[in-house]
Amino acid sequence: MSKLYIVGVGPGKLEYLTLRAYEVLRKVSIVVGYGRYIEQIAPIIRGKTIFTTGMRDEVKRCLIAIRYAAQGYDTALVCGGDPGVYGLAGLCLQICAELSIDIEVEIVPGITAALAGACLVGAPLMRDFVVLNLSDILIPWEEIEHKLRKALEGNFTIVIYNPCSKKKYNIEKVFNIVRQYYHNTYVAIVKNALREGQEIYISKIENVDISKIDMNTIVIICSPHVYFRKGWLIAERGYEPKLRKLLNDRETLEKFINVSPAPRRHSSAY
C-alpha cells in the first residue's frame, strides 16, 4: 500500500536532516514542496518526480501530494522545520478527513526553528516557553496580541516565528508590549539558523535593533528567569540549590573535576 509522508527537513542543511527523513526522501517516487525547500534537499531527490508551488499555495501542495498517494505512489510532502509546527501536517490531515480520503500517512519530524535558534545562543528554553506566530495573514492581530499578553503574564520565554514582513509594524508592537511586562530582559535575534548566512544578535530589550529582523529570523524574548553568562543565555531550571551545595563542598567538587577516565574495555573477536 502506498503512503503519504509529511516530512520535516529542518533548517535546510542536509546534516540536520533526521535519518528517517533521509530514508523516506530516498525511498519515495514523488516529492512535493515549496521551491526553496526542494532546493535544500536537491542532492538526495535527483531523478524523482518533483512538484513545486509558490509560498502561499499550501492547499495546492497538499492536494497534489494526497492525489498521488491515493493513486498508489509513495509520496513525500516536504516542510521546512517540523511539519507539525506551522507546517502542513494539520492541513493534510484535515483535507483527508473532510474529503474522506483513506490513505496511510506518516509524519516525519524535523528540527523546528525554535530549537535551531535556541541552541545557537545557549539554553534559553530550559524553562517553560511559548511559541507564537506573528503572521496575521491567517490569525487576526487581536488574537495574537491576546496570546502574547497572557504569555508575558505567565513569565514565559517567547519564541517568535514570522516576526515581520516587508513592514515591521507587528514586531514593533510586540517589543512595546513586552516592555510593559519584562524590564531589562534579553532578546536573541537569530537569522538563518543552522544554514548559510547565519547571524546572531543578543541584546537587552531596551536596545534591540529591529533592523536585524526579517522573515528568515527567529526572535527569542527571554523571561526574567533567563540570564546571560559568558556569551550564553541560560534559563534557570531549579538546579541552583544542588549546584550551590556542590560548589561549597570543595572536597567533593575536586573529586568530580579530577576524575580519571574509565578503563577501556576490550572485547574478543569471534
Protein backbone atom coordinates (compact mmCIF):
# COMPACT_ATOMS: atom_id res chain seq x y z
CA MET A 1 0.00 0.00 0.00
CA SER A 2 1.30 3.46 -0.89
CA LYS A 3 1.95 6.04 1.77
CA LEU A 4 1.95 9.82 2.17
CA TYR A 5 4.95 11.03 4.15
CA ILE A 6 4.81 14.57 5.53
CA VAL A 7 8.48 15.26 6.04
CA GLY A 8 10.18 17.96 8.09
CA VAL A 9 13.52 18.89 6.53
CA GLY A 10 14.69 21.05 9.43
CA PRO A 11 16.74 24.23 8.98
CA GLY A 12 17.89 23.33 5.48
CA LYS A 13 21.39 21.88 5.70
CA LEU A 14 21.43 18.17 4.99
CA GLU A 15 23.43 17.34 8.13
CA TYR A 16 20.44 18.45 10.22
CA LEU A 17 18.05 16.15 8.38
CA THR A 18 16.92 13.22 10.53
CA LEU A 19 17.90 9.74 9.44
CA ARG A 20 14.24 8.83 8.99
CA ALA A 21 13.64 11.86 6.77
CA TYR A 22 16.66 10.92 4.67
CA GLU A 23 15.43 7.33 4.29
CA VAL A 24 11.94 8.47 3.29
CA LEU A 25 13.17 11.00 0.73
CA ARG A 26 15.40 8.36 -0.86
CA LYS A 27 12.53 5.87 -0.94
CA VAL A 28 9.59 7.82 -2.40
CA SER A 29 8.96 8.35 -6.09
CA ILE A 30 7.04 11.66 -5.80
CA VAL A 31 8.23 14.75 -3.90
CA VAL A 32 6.04 17.83 -3.41
CA GLY A 33 7.09 21.08 -1.77
CA TYR A 34 7.77 24.80 -1.77
CA GLY A 35 10.59 25.61 -4.17
CA ARG A 36 13.08 26.73 -1.52
CA TYR A 37 12.69 23.54 0.50
CA ILE A 38 13.06 21.41 -2.63
CA GLU A 39 16.35 23.19 -3.44
CA GLN A 40 17.67 22.42 0.05
CA ILE A 41 17.22 18.66 -0.40
CA ALA A 42 18.02 18.54 -4.13
CA PRO A 43 21.09 16.25 -3.80
CA ILE A 44 19.03 13.39 -2.36
CA ILE A 45 15.93 13.59 -4.59
CA ARG A 46 17.55 13.62 -8.02
CA GLY A 47 15.69 11.53 -10.57
CA LYS A 48 12.35 11.72 -8.76
CA THR A 49 9.16 13.33 -9.98
CA ILE A 50 9.05 16.72 -8.26
CA PHE A 51 6.22 19.23 -7.93
CA THR A 52 6.83 22.75 -6.59
CA THR A 53 4.41 25.57 -5.82
CA GLY A 54 4.64 29.14 -4.56
CA MET A 55 4.81 30.35 -0.96
CA ARG A 56 1.07 30.68 -0.35
CA ASP A 57 -0.04 27.61 -2.30
CA GLU A 58 -0.17 25.35 0.75
CA VAL A 59 -3.56 23.84 -0.12
CA LYS A 60 -2.43 23.07 -3.65
CA ARG A 61 0.71 21.33 -2.37
CA CYS A 62 -1.34 19.18 -0.02
CA LEU A 63 -3.84 18.25 -2.71
CA ILE A 64 -1.09 17.23 -5.16
CA ALA A 65 0.61 15.06 -2.55
CA ILE A 66 -2.67 13.45 -1.43
CA ARG A 67 -3.70 12.76 -5.03
CA TYR A 68 -0.53 10.88 -5.91
CA ALA A 69 -0.51 8.94 -2.66
CA ALA A 70 -4.13 7.94 -3.31
CA GLN A 71 -3.13 6.79 -6.81
CA GLY A 72 -0.60 4.35 -5.39
CA TYR A 73 2.64 6.32 -5.30
CA ASP A 74 4.80 6.70 -2.22
CA THR A 75 4.82 10.48 -1.89
CA ALA A 76 6.71 12.95 0.28
CA LEU A 77 5.30 16.36 1.09
CA VAL A 78 8.25 18.34 2.45
CA CYS A 79 8.02 21.12 5.01
CA GLY A 80 10.69 23.38 6.43
CA GLY A 81 11.45 22.75 10.10
CA ASP A 82 8.86 20.39 11.56
CA PRO A 83 5.62 19.58 9.69
CA GLY A 84 3.56 19.87 12.87
CA VAL A 85 4.88 23.31 13.88
CA TYR A 86 3.27 25.79 11.47
CA GLY A 87 3.83 23.18 8.76
CA LEU A 88 1.41 21.23 6.58
CA ALA A 89 0.69 18.19 8.74
CA GLY A 90 -2.55 19.61 10.13
CA LEU A 91 -3.82 20.84 6.77
CA CYS A 92 -3.13 17.48 5.10
CA LEU A 93 -4.93 15.54 7.81
CA GLN A 94 -7.84 17.98 7.67
CA ILE A 95 -8.19 17.59 3.89
CA CYS A 96 -8.11 13.80 4.16
CA ALA A 97 -10.78 13.89 6.85
CA GLU A 98 -13.03 16.38 5.05
CA LEU A 99 -12.83 14.52 1.72
CA SER A 100 -12.97 11.04 3.34
CA ILE A 101 -9.70 10.05 1.66
CA ASP A 102 -8.36 6.86 3.20
CA ILE A 103 -4.59 6.81 2.75
CA GLU A 104 -1.78 5.85 5.09
CA VAL A 105 0.04 8.88 6.47
CA GLU A 106 3.34 9.14 8.34
CA ILE A 107 4.53 12.44 9.81
CA VAL A 108 8.32 12.62 9.93
CA PRO A 109 9.52 15.21 12.47
CA GLY A 110 12.25 17.76 11.82
CA ILE A 111 14.21 20.37 13.76
CA THR A 112 11.93 23.38 14.14
CA ALA A 113 13.22 26.96 14.08
CA ALA A 114 12.77 27.50 17.83
CA LEU A 115 15.19 24.68 18.60
CA ALA A 116 17.62 25.60 15.83
CA GLY A 117 17.79 29.19 17.05
CA ALA A 118 17.90 28.38 20.76
CA CYS A 119 20.86 26.01 20.52
CA LEU A 120 22.96 28.77 18.96
CA VAL A 121 22.50 31.18 21.87
CA GLY A 122 22.69 28.75 24.77
CA ALA A 123 19.81 27.21 26.70
CA PRO A 124 17.02 29.81 26.94
CA LEU A 125 14.26 27.18 26.62
CA MET A 126 15.22 25.10 29.67
CA ARG A 127 12.19 26.52 31.47
CA ASP A 128 8.61 26.64 30.11
CA PHE A 129 8.29 28.61 26.89
CA VAL A 130 5.69 29.71 24.35
CA VAL A 131 5.91 29.66 20.56
CA LEU A 132 3.99 32.48 18.88
CA ASN A 133 3.49 33.04 15.16
CA LEU A 134 3.39 36.74 14.38
CA SER A 135 1.87 36.38 10.91
CA ASP A 136 -1.59 37.92 10.83
CA ILE A 137 -2.47 36.53 7.40
CA LEU A 138 -4.50 33.66 8.87
CA ILE A 139 -4.85 34.78 12.50
CA PRO A 140 -6.13 38.29 13.41
CA TRP A 141 -3.71 40.58 15.24
CA GLU A 142 -6.11 40.92 18.19
CA GLU A 143 -5.81 37.19 18.89
CA ILE A 144 -2.02 37.30 18.57
CA GLU A 145 -1.77 40.21 20.99
CA HIS A 146 -4.07 38.47 23.49
CA LYS A 147 -1.86 35.36 23.46
CA LEU A 148 1.28 37.49 23.78
CA ARG A 149 -0.02 39.28 26.86
CA LYS A 150 -1.08 36.03 28.51
CA ALA A 151 2.37 34.54 27.87
CA LEU A 152 4.01 37.62 29.39
CA GLU A 153 1.72 37.42 32.43
CA GLY A 154 2.90 33.84 32.89
CA ASN A 155 6.59 34.81 32.75
CA PHE A 156 7.23 32.57 29.75
CA THR A 157 10.13 32.86 27.36
CA ILE A 158 8.53 33.59 23.99
CA VAL A 159 9.81 32.39 20.62
CA ILE A 160 8.51 34.45 17.72
CA TYR A 161 8.02 32.86 14.30
CA ASN A 162 7.42 35.01 11.19
CA PRO A 163 8.45 38.17 13.06
CA CYS A 164 7.87 40.55 10.17
CA SER A 165 7.11 41.03 6.53
CA LYS A 166 8.37 43.94 4.45
CA LYS A 167 6.74 46.16 7.06
CA LYS A 168 7.80 45.69 10.68
CA TYR A 169 4.76 47.09 12.45
CA ASN A 170 3.87 43.89 14.31
CA ILE A 171 7.31 43.22 15.77
CA GLU A 172 7.49 46.85 16.89
CA LYS A 173 4.13 46.37 18.62
CA VAL A 174 5.43 43.18 20.25
CA PHE A 175 8.51 44.85 21.73
CA ASN A 176 6.44 47.77 23.00
CA ILE A 177 4.08 45.34 24.73
CA VAL A 178 6.96 43.24 26.14
CA ARG A 179 8.49 46.35 27.72
CA GLN A 180 5.31 46.76 29.75
CA TYR A 181 5.92 43.37 31.44
CA TYR A 182 9.62 42.48 31.20
CA HIS A 183 12.22 45.05 32.21
CA ASN A 184 15.89 44.73 31.34
CA THR A 185 15.38 41.26 29.84
CA TYR A 186 17.33 39.73 26.96
CA VAL A 187 16.32 39.27 23.34
CA ALA A 188 18.06 36.94 20.87
CA ILE A 189 17.74 37.53 17.15
CA VAL A 190 18.90 34.56 15.06
CA LYS A 191 18.87 34.88 11.29
CA ASN A 192 19.20 31.80 9.05
CA ALA A 193 19.72 29.45 11.99
CA LEU A 194 21.96 26.49 11.13
CA ARG A 195 22.19 27.41 7.46
CA GLU A 196 24.10 29.69 5.12
CA GLY A 197 24.10 33.36 6.12
CA GLN A 198 23.67 32.71 9.82
CA GLU A 199 23.74 35.82 12.04
CA ILE A 200 23.21 36.07 15.80
CA TYR A 201 22.47 39.17 17.89
CA ILE A 202 21.82 39.25 21.64
CA SER A 203 20.82 42.45 23.40
CA LYS A 204 18.68 43.83 26.19
CA ILE A 205 15.06 44.59 25.28
CA GLU A 206 15.76 48.32 25.61
CA ASN A 207 18.46 48.17 22.92
CA VAL A 208 17.01 45.67 20.47
CA ASP A 209 17.64 46.58 16.82
CA ILE A 210 14.63 45.64 14.69
CA SER A 211 16.57 46.37 11.50
CA LYS A 212 18.27 42.99 12.06
CA ILE A 213 14.94 41.16 11.82
CA ASP A 214 13.44 39.69 8.65
CA MET A 215 11.34 36.67 7.69
CA ASN A 216 14.37 34.38 7.91
CA THR A 217 14.74 35.31 11.58
CA ILE A 218 13.66 33.68 14.81
CA VAL A 219 13.27 36.02 17.80
CA ILE A 220 13.61 34.72 21.36
CA ILE A 221 12.26 37.04 24.05
CA CYS A 222 13.70 35.78 27.30
CA SER A 223 11.71 35.59 30.50
CA PRO A 224 13.05 37.10 33.74
CA HIS A 225 14.32 33.59 34.57
CA VAL A 226 16.95 33.73 31.80
CA TYR A 227 20.38 35.23 32.45
CA PHE A 228 23.45 35.90 30.29
CA ARG A 229 26.77 34.33 31.26
CA LYS A 230 29.99 34.01 29.26
CA GLY A 231 28.23 34.55 25.94
CA TRP A 232 25.32 32.18 26.60
CA LEU A 233 21.68 32.70 27.51
CA ILE A 234 20.79 30.27 30.30
CA ALA A 235 17.34 29.61 31.76
CA GLU A 236 17.24 28.77 35.45
CA ARG A 237 15.80 25.29 35.83
CA GLY A 238 15.83 24.70 39.57
CA TYR A 239 19.25 23.09 39.85
CA GLU A 240 20.72 26.05 41.75
CA PRO A 241 20.43 24.56 45.29
CA LYS A 242 22.20 21.36 44.20
CA LEU A 243 24.81 23.33 42.30
CA ARG A 244 25.49 25.70 45.21
CA LYS A 245 25.81 22.78 47.61
CA LEU A 246 28.33 21.11 45.32
CA LEU A 247 30.31 24.32 44.76
CA ASN A 248 30.56 24.85 48.51
CA ASP A 249 31.82 21.32 49.08
CA ARG A 250 35.37 21.66 47.77
CA GLU A 251 36.38 18.09 48.58
CA THR A 252 33.52 16.55 46.60
CA LEU A 253 33.92 19.08 43.78
CA GLU A 254 37.60 18.25 43.37
CA LYS A 255 36.73 14.56 43.15
CA PHE A 256 34.40 15.30 40.25
CA ILE A 257 36.85 17.59 38.49
CA ASN A 258 39.83 15.25 38.89
CA VAL A 259 38.00 12.06 37.99
CA SER A 260 40.06 9.61 35.93
CA PRO A 261 38.72 8.25 32.66
CA ALA A 262 37.11 4.86 32.85
CA PRO A 263 39.33 1.99 31.74
CA ARG A 264 38.75 0.90 28.18
CA ARG A 265 37.05 -2.44 27.79
CA HIS A 266 38.30 -4.87 25.18
CA SER A 267 36.04 -7.44 23.63
CA SER A 268 37.22 -10.59 21.98
CA ALA A 269 36.50 -11.07 18.32
CA TYR A 270 34.85 -14.33 17.36
